C-alpha cells in the first residue's frame, strides 16, 4: 500500500480510505444496507491487513452508530491509536456549524469513537446560517485544544471554499487541508472551480462516491444489491443522467476486460491520474477492498484515460447545497 500526506499536515494516509457510511444500525430514515458490529469489525480488520490506515465516518451516519461501531471494532482488534487515521464530520445536526453545535458535536464524536482526538475533522456542507468567521474560529479552537489535528471540508461550491480559506488566512486560523468532494468518472463538475481552488491551497482531494455508488463496478445499472434497491439518495444522484452515463460505464468495463482487472480498479486508477490523494471506498464486502487495492498498481495509458473521459457531458450540481430562496 502506498501512502500520501494530507495537505501539508504531516499526517500520512493510505491511498485508500475506508468509508464509514457502510457501518452502523440499519434504519428506514438513513440506510437499510449497513453492516452490523460483527461485519464492521471483520471489514475493518481486512482493510488493515491490506495496510489501509485511514477510516472516514460522520456524526450523522446511521445516527451515530457508525462511529460507535468503528470505535468498538478498533478496540476489539487492539489497534493502537497512532496506527490509524480517523476522520469524522459535523453539519447534519442541530445548529449546523454554529460554535455551540461544533463544540457539542465534537465531544459526541470523540465519545462514540472512544478516542480523545480526531486526525481530521470535516465540515460536511456549507452553512448559510452561520457566519464563516464563527465556524472557522471554532474549528481553529479545536485544533489548538488538541481535539483535532487537521481540518477538512466537504461538498460545496468553489467560491464558498475559497471564502472560508480567506477568512482563516486573514485571522491566522487553521486552514482546511482536505476536501471530501463528490468526484468520479460519472460526476466531474468540481473540475471547473472547486478542484482548482484546492490545488491553489495544496488541499488534498479525498473524494466520496469514487465508484458512483457501485455503478462503476459492474456493467448492469440496476444490480439488485440491497443498496441499489433501497438507497433513495443513490438513485437521486445518478439516475437522472443514466442515459449518458451508461456509455462511460461501458468504457470502464472495456478497459477492465483488456487489463484483466476489476472495473473498480480502473475507476479508482483514473482518480489517481487526476491527483486524488485517497478515495473513500464504502465497502460492504471484504473483496471490495481487494479489488480497490489493485488500483494503486494500475497505470492507465494516455489513450485509456482519453477514452474514459471522452463521453462525459455537463451534469447538474450534486452534493453542494444551493442557497436558500
Protein backbone atom coordinates (compact mmCIF):
# COMPACT_ATOMS: atom_id res chain seq x y z
CA UNK A 1 0.00 0.00 0.00
CA UNK A 2 1.29 3.46 -0.90
CA UNK A 3 0.84 6.42 1.44
CA UNK A 4 0.47 10.15 0.94
CA UNK A 5 0.34 13.29 3.08
CA UNK A 6 -2.88 15.19 3.81
CA UNK A 7 -2.09 18.69 2.56
CA UNK A 8 0.97 19.91 4.43
CA UNK A 9 -0.09 18.48 7.79
CA UNK A 10 2.44 15.69 8.10
CA UNK A 11 -0.43 13.21 8.50
CA UNK A 12 0.29 10.18 6.31
CA UNK A 13 -2.66 8.19 4.97
CA UNK A 14 -3.03 5.14 2.75
CA UNK A 15 -4.03 5.83 -0.87
CA UNK A 16 -7.36 4.22 0.01
CA UNK A 17 -9.82 5.20 2.73
CA UNK A 18 -12.43 3.03 4.49
CA UNK A 19 -15.87 4.62 4.16
CA UNK A 20 -17.84 4.53 7.41
CA UNK A 21 -21.25 5.10 5.86
CA UNK A 22 -21.36 1.33 5.31
CA UNK A 23 -21.32 0.71 9.08
CA UNK A 24 -23.99 1.07 11.76
CA UNK A 25 -27.51 0.08 12.71
CA UNK A 26 -29.80 -0.10 9.63
CA UNK A 27 -32.78 2.23 9.70
CA UNK A 28 -35.61 3.36 7.43
CA UNK A 29 -34.65 7.02 7.77
CA UNK A 30 -30.95 6.54 6.95
CA UNK A 31 -29.84 3.31 5.20
CA UNK A 32 -31.11 -0.26 5.34
CA UNK A 33 -27.99 -1.84 3.84
CA UNK A 34 -25.39 -1.00 6.52
CA UNK A 35 -23.25 -3.60 8.31
CA UNK A 36 -23.71 -4.71 11.93
CA UNK A 37 -20.94 -4.72 14.51
CA UNK A 38 -19.50 -8.14 13.72
CA UNK A 39 -19.33 -7.45 9.97
CA UNK A 40 -17.95 -3.95 10.61
CA UNK A 41 -15.12 -5.36 12.73
CA UNK A 42 -14.37 -8.03 10.14
CA UNK A 43 -14.30 -5.47 7.30
CA UNK A 44 -12.02 -3.06 9.15
CA UNK A 45 -9.73 -5.93 10.12
CA UNK A 46 -9.38 -6.97 6.48
CA UNK A 47 -8.70 -3.40 5.36
CA UNK A 48 -5.97 -3.01 7.96
CA UNK A 49 -4.43 -6.31 6.89
CA UNK A 50 -4.10 -4.66 3.48
CA UNK A 51 -2.26 -1.77 5.22
CA UNK A 52 -5.17 0.67 4.87
CA UNK A 53 -4.81 3.05 7.84
CA UNK A 54 -7.45 5.68 7.00
CA UNK A 55 -11.10 5.49 8.18
CA UNK A 56 -13.75 8.11 7.46
CA UNK A 57 -17.14 8.49 9.13
CA UNK A 58 -19.59 11.20 10.27
CA UNK A 59 -21.68 12.06 13.29
CA UNK A 60 -24.86 11.51 11.27
CA UNK A 61 -24.04 8.13 9.72
CA UNK A 62 -26.56 5.61 11.00
CA UNK A 63 -27.46 8.14 13.69
CA UNK A 64 -24.04 7.93 15.34
CA UNK A 65 -23.80 4.16 15.39
CA UNK A 66 -21.22 4.18 12.59
CA UNK A 67 -18.82 5.99 14.91
CA UNK A 68 -19.71 3.60 17.73
CA UNK A 69 -19.14 0.50 15.60
CA UNK A 70 -15.81 1.79 14.27
CA UNK A 71 -14.57 2.67 17.75
CA UNK A 72 -15.60 -0.72 19.11
CA UNK A 73 -14.01 -2.53 16.16
CA UNK A 74 -10.66 -0.80 16.71
CA UNK A 75 -10.74 -1.68 20.41
CA UNK A 76 -11.66 -5.30 19.70
CA UNK A 77 -8.85 -5.55 17.18
CA UNK A 78 -6.37 -3.98 19.60
CA UNK A 79 -5.36 -1.27 17.12
CA UNK A 80 -3.02 1.31 18.63
CA UNK A 81 -4.44 4.82 18.25
CA UNK A 82 -1.42 6.20 16.39
CA UNK A 83 -1.64 3.40 13.81
CA UNK A 84 -4.97 4.62 12.39
CA UNK A 85 -6.06 7.96 10.93
CA UNK A 86 -9.63 8.77 12.00
CA UNK A 87 -11.81 11.34 10.25
CA UNK A 88 -15.36 12.43 11.02
CA UNK A 89 -17.71 15.27 10.13
CA UNK A 90 -20.11 17.86 11.52
CA UNK A 91 -23.08 19.66 9.95
CA UNK A 92 -26.17 17.43 9.76
CA UNK A 93 -27.09 18.17 13.34
CA UNK A 94 -28.92 20.76 15.40
CA UNK A 95 -27.27 24.14 14.93
CA UNK A 96 -25.34 23.13 11.81
CA UNK A 97 -21.90 24.80 12.04
CA UNK A 98 -22.53 27.26 14.85
CA UNK A 99 -19.95 27.45 17.63
CA UNK A 100 -22.33 25.81 20.09
CA UNK A 101 -23.10 22.96 17.68
CA UNK A 102 -19.48 22.23 16.75
CA UNK A 103 -18.32 22.16 20.36
CA UNK A 104 -21.18 19.84 21.28
CA UNK A 105 -20.77 17.52 18.29
CA UNK A 106 -17.01 17.05 18.52
CA UNK A 107 -17.38 15.77 22.08
CA UNK A 108 -20.11 13.34 21.00
CA UNK A 109 -17.99 12.07 18.12
CA UNK A 110 -14.93 11.53 20.31
CA UNK A 111 -17.01 9.69 22.89
CA UNK A 112 -18.60 7.39 20.31
CA UNK A 113 -15.25 6.61 18.68
CA UNK A 114 -13.60 6.09 22.05
CA UNK A 115 -10.71 8.47 21.41
CA UNK A 116 -9.56 11.83 22.75
CA UNK A 117 -8.71 13.31 19.36
CA UNK A 118 -9.53 13.17 15.66
CA UNK A 119 -6.86 13.27 12.98
CA UNK A 120 -9.16 15.03 10.54
CA UNK A 121 -12.44 16.88 11.15
CA UNK A 122 -14.59 17.91 8.18
CA UNK A 123 -17.46 20.31 7.85
CA UNK A 124 -19.97 18.16 5.97
CA UNK A 125 -21.53 21.02 3.97
CA UNK A 126 -21.53 24.83 3.78
CA UNK A 127 -23.71 26.54 6.41
CA UNK A 128 -25.68 29.51 5.07
CA UNK A 129 -26.99 30.33 8.57
CA UNK A 130 -23.70 30.76 10.47
CA UNK A 131 -21.08 33.45 9.76
CA UNK A 132 -17.98 31.96 8.20
CA UNK A 133 -15.79 33.57 10.86
CA UNK A 134 -17.72 31.89 13.67
CA UNK A 135 -17.26 28.47 12.09
CA UNK A 136 -13.59 28.90 11.23
CA UNK A 137 -12.64 30.34 14.62
CA UNK A 138 -14.39 27.47 16.40
CA UNK A 139 -12.70 24.85 14.22
CA UNK A 140 -9.36 26.54 14.90
CA UNK A 141 -10.02 26.32 18.64
CA UNK A 142 -10.43 22.54 18.30
CA UNK A 143 -7.00 22.30 16.70
CA UNK A 144 -5.48 24.50 19.41
CA UNK A 145 -7.07 22.37 22.14
CA UNK A 146 -5.71 19.13 20.67
CA UNK A 147 -9.10 17.60 19.96
CA UNK A 148 -8.44 17.80 16.21
CA UNK A 149 -5.17 17.58 14.27
CA UNK A 150 -6.30 18.92 10.87
CA UNK A 151 -9.40 20.32 9.18
CA UNK A 152 -11.30 19.40 6.05
CA UNK A 153 -14.39 20.47 4.14
CA UNK A 154 -16.87 18.56 2.01
CA UNK A 155 -19.14 19.15 -1.00
CA UNK A 156 -19.64 22.87 -1.58
CA UNK A 157 -19.23 25.49 -4.28
CA UNK A 158 -15.73 26.69 -5.12
CA UNK A 159 -16.39 30.29 -4.07
CA UNK A 160 -17.62 29.11 -0.65
CA UNK A 161 -14.49 27.08 -0.01
CA UNK A 162 -12.31 29.98 -1.18
CA UNK A 163 -14.06 32.44 1.13
CA UNK A 164 -13.62 30.12 4.12
CA UNK A 165 -9.91 29.75 3.40
CA UNK A 166 -9.60 33.52 3.07
CA UNK A 167 -11.30 34.04 6.44
CA UNK A 168 -8.82 31.66 8.06
CA UNK A 169 -5.86 33.36 6.36
CA UNK A 170 -6.97 36.85 7.42
CA UNK A 171 -7.34 35.86 11.05
CA UNK A 172 -4.42 33.48 11.48
CA UNK A 173 -6.69 30.46 11.96
CA UNK A 174 -6.16 26.89 10.77
CA UNK A 175 -6.92 26.40 7.06
CA UNK A 176 -8.57 23.37 5.53
CA UNK A 177 -6.11 20.71 4.37
CA UNK A 178 -8.54 18.22 2.81
CA UNK A 179 -11.58 18.30 0.55
CA UNK A 180 -14.05 15.42 0.55
CA UNK A 181 -15.99 16.16 -2.61
CA UNK A 182 -18.23 14.23 -4.97
CA UNK A 183 -15.90 13.09 -7.75
CA UNK A 184 -15.79 10.13 -10.11
CA UNK A 185 -15.90 9.31 -13.83
CA UNK A 186 -19.68 9.93 -13.85
CA UNK A 187 -19.54 13.23 -11.95
CA UNK A 188 -16.77 15.74 -12.71
CA UNK A 189 -18.37 19.15 -12.13
CA UNK A 190 -15.84 20.12 -9.44
CA UNK A 191 -13.11 20.21 -12.08
CA UNK A 192 -14.47 23.65 -13.05
CA UNK A 193 -13.83 25.64 -9.85
CA UNK A 194 -13.60 23.70 -6.58
CA UNK A 195 -10.67 21.47 -7.51
CA UNK A 196 -8.57 24.38 -8.88
CA UNK A 197 -9.11 26.20 -5.56
CA UNK A 198 -7.98 23.07 -3.71
CA UNK A 199 -4.83 22.92 -5.82
CA UNK A 200 -4.17 26.62 -5.11
CA UNK A 201 -4.13 25.86 -1.37
CA UNK A 202 -2.37 22.44 -1.60
CA UNK A 203 -5.54 20.80 -0.28
CA UNK A 204 -5.72 17.02 -0.66
CA UNK A 205 -8.64 15.53 -2.59
CA UNK A 206 -10.35 12.71 -0.69
CA UNK A 207 -13.49 12.12 -2.77
CA UNK A 208 -16.60 10.33 -1.66
CA UNK A 209 -18.56 8.09 -4.03
CA UNK A 210 -15.45 7.37 -6.17
CA UNK A 211 -17.25 4.36 -7.68
CA UNK A 212 -20.53 6.24 -8.21
CA UNK A 213 -22.36 4.16 -5.63
CA UNK A 214 -21.33 0.94 -7.35
CA UNK A 215 -22.28 1.97 -10.89
CA UNK A 216 -18.61 1.91 -11.90
CA UNK A 217 -18.13 -1.64 -10.61
CA UNK A 218 -20.43 -3.56 -12.96
CA UNK A 219 -21.99 -3.17 -16.40
CA UNK A 220 -25.58 -3.54 -15.15
CA UNK A 221 -27.00 -0.24 -13.88
CA UNK A 222 -29.59 -1.81 -11.56
CA UNK A 223 -27.54 -4.51 -9.87
CA UNK A 224 -30.18 -5.77 -7.45
CA UNK A 225 -27.96 -5.36 -4.37
CA UNK A 226 -29.57 -4.24 -1.09
CA UNK A 227 -28.08 -0.79 -1.57
CA UNK A 228 -29.17 -0.37 -5.19
CA UNK A 229 -32.74 -1.33 -4.36
CA UNK A 230 -33.18 0.70 -1.12
CA UNK A 231 -30.85 3.72 -1.31
CA UNK A 232 -33.02 6.65 -2.41
CA UNK A 233 -30.08 9.05 -2.20
CA UNK A 234 -28.12 6.90 -4.64
CA UNK A 235 -30.96 6.93 -7.17
CA UNK A 236 -31.33 10.69 -6.82
CA UNK A 237 -27.64 11.28 -7.52
CA UNK A 238 -27.21 9.10 -10.58
CA UNK A 239 -30.46 8.04 -12.20
CA UNK A 240 -31.22 11.45 -13.81
CA UNK A 241 -28.09 11.15 -16.00
CA UNK A 242 -28.26 7.41 -16.51
CA UNK A 243 -28.74 7.59 -20.29
CA UNK A 244 -25.41 9.34 -20.88
CA UNK A 245 -23.51 7.71 -18.04
CA UNK A 246 -24.09 4.09 -19.04
CA UNK A 247 -21.82 4.71 -22.03
CA UNK A 248 -18.99 5.70 -19.70
CA UNK A 249 -19.63 2.62 -17.58
CA UNK A 250 -19.22 0.54 -20.73
CA UNK A 251 -15.86 2.22 -21.43
CA UNK A 252 -14.70 1.32 -17.91
CA UNK A 253 -15.80 -2.27 -18.47
CA UNK A 254 -13.87 -2.40 -21.74
CA UNK A 255 -10.60 -1.19 -20.18
CA UNK A 256 -11.07 -3.60 -17.26
CA UNK A 257 -11.52 -6.55 -19.64
CA UNK A 258 -8.45 -5.63 -21.64
CA UNK A 259 -6.33 -5.27 -18.49
CA UNK A 260 -7.78 -8.26 -16.68
CA UNK A 261 -8.67 -6.23 -13.57
CA UNK A 262 -11.93 -5.34 -11.79
CA UNK A 263 -13.86 -2.33 -13.08
CA UNK A 264 -13.41 -0.66 -9.70
CA UNK A 265 -9.63 -0.73 -10.17
CA UNK A 266 -9.97 1.17 -13.45
CA UNK A 267 -12.33 3.77 -11.96
CA UNK A 268 -10.04 4.37 -8.97
CA UNK A 269 -6.89 4.37 -11.10
CA UNK A 270 -8.43 7.17 -13.16
CA UNK A 271 -8.93 9.22 -10.00
CA UNK A 272 -5.26 8.85 -9.17
CA UNK A 273 -4.39 10.30 -12.59
CA UNK A 274 -6.45 13.36 -11.57
CA UNK A 275 -4.36 13.96 -8.47
CA UNK A 276 -6.68 12.39 -5.91
CA UNK A 277 -4.95 11.51 -2.62
CA UNK A 278 -7.19 8.84 -1.09
CA UNK A 279 -10.64 7.94 -2.46
CA UNK A 280 -13.18 6.75 0.10
CA UNK A 281 -14.44 3.23 -0.61
CA UNK A 282 -17.63 2.26 1.19
CA UNK A 283 -17.17 -1.50 1.19
CA UNK A 284 -19.86 -3.90 2.38
CA UNK A 285 -17.77 -6.91 1.43
CA UNK A 286 -14.12 -7.71 2.10
CA UNK A 287 -13.48 -8.40 -1.59
CA UNK A 288 -14.34 -4.77 -2.37
CA UNK A 289 -11.08 -3.71 -0.72
CA UNK A 290 -9.12 -6.42 -2.51
CA UNK A 291 -10.33 -5.03 -5.83
CA UNK A 292 -9.67 -1.45 -4.77
CA UNK A 293 -6.06 -2.20 -3.84
CA UNK A 294 -5.49 -3.26 -7.46
CA UNK A 295 -5.98 0.38 -8.48
CA UNK A 296 -2.79 1.55 -6.79
CA UNK A 297 -0.81 -0.81 -9.04
CA UNK A 298 -2.63 0.05 -12.27
CA UNK A 299 -1.06 2.61 -14.59
CA UNK A 300 -3.55 3.77 -17.22
CA UNK A 301 -2.23 4.79 -20.63
CA UNK A 302 -2.97 8.22 -22.09
CA UNK A 303 -5.19 6.51 -24.68
CA UNK A 304 -7.19 4.74 -21.96
CA UNK A 305 -7.59 7.96 -19.99
CA UNK A 306 -8.80 9.83 -23.08
CA UNK A 307 -11.31 7.07 -23.83
CA UNK A 308 -12.66 7.10 -20.27
CA UNK A 309 -13.06 10.89 -20.28
CA UNK A 310 -14.30 11.41 -23.83
CA UNK A 311 -18.03 10.84 -23.32
CA UNK A 312 -18.57 12.99 -20.23
CA UNK A 313 -21.24 15.69 -20.52
CA UNK A 314 -22.06 18.51 -18.06
CA UNK A 315 -24.23 17.39 -15.13
CA UNK A 316 -26.42 19.22 -12.64
CA UNK A 317 -24.55 20.01 -9.41
CA UNK A 318 -24.98 17.19 -6.90
CA UNK A 319 -23.59 17.50 -3.37
CA UNK A 320 -23.21 21.21 -2.76
CA UNK A 321 -26.30 22.64 -1.07
CA UNK A 322 -27.91 25.51 -3.03
CA UNK A 323 -28.55 28.88 -1.36
CA UNK A 324 -31.85 29.29 0.44
CA UNK A 325 -34.51 31.07 -1.58
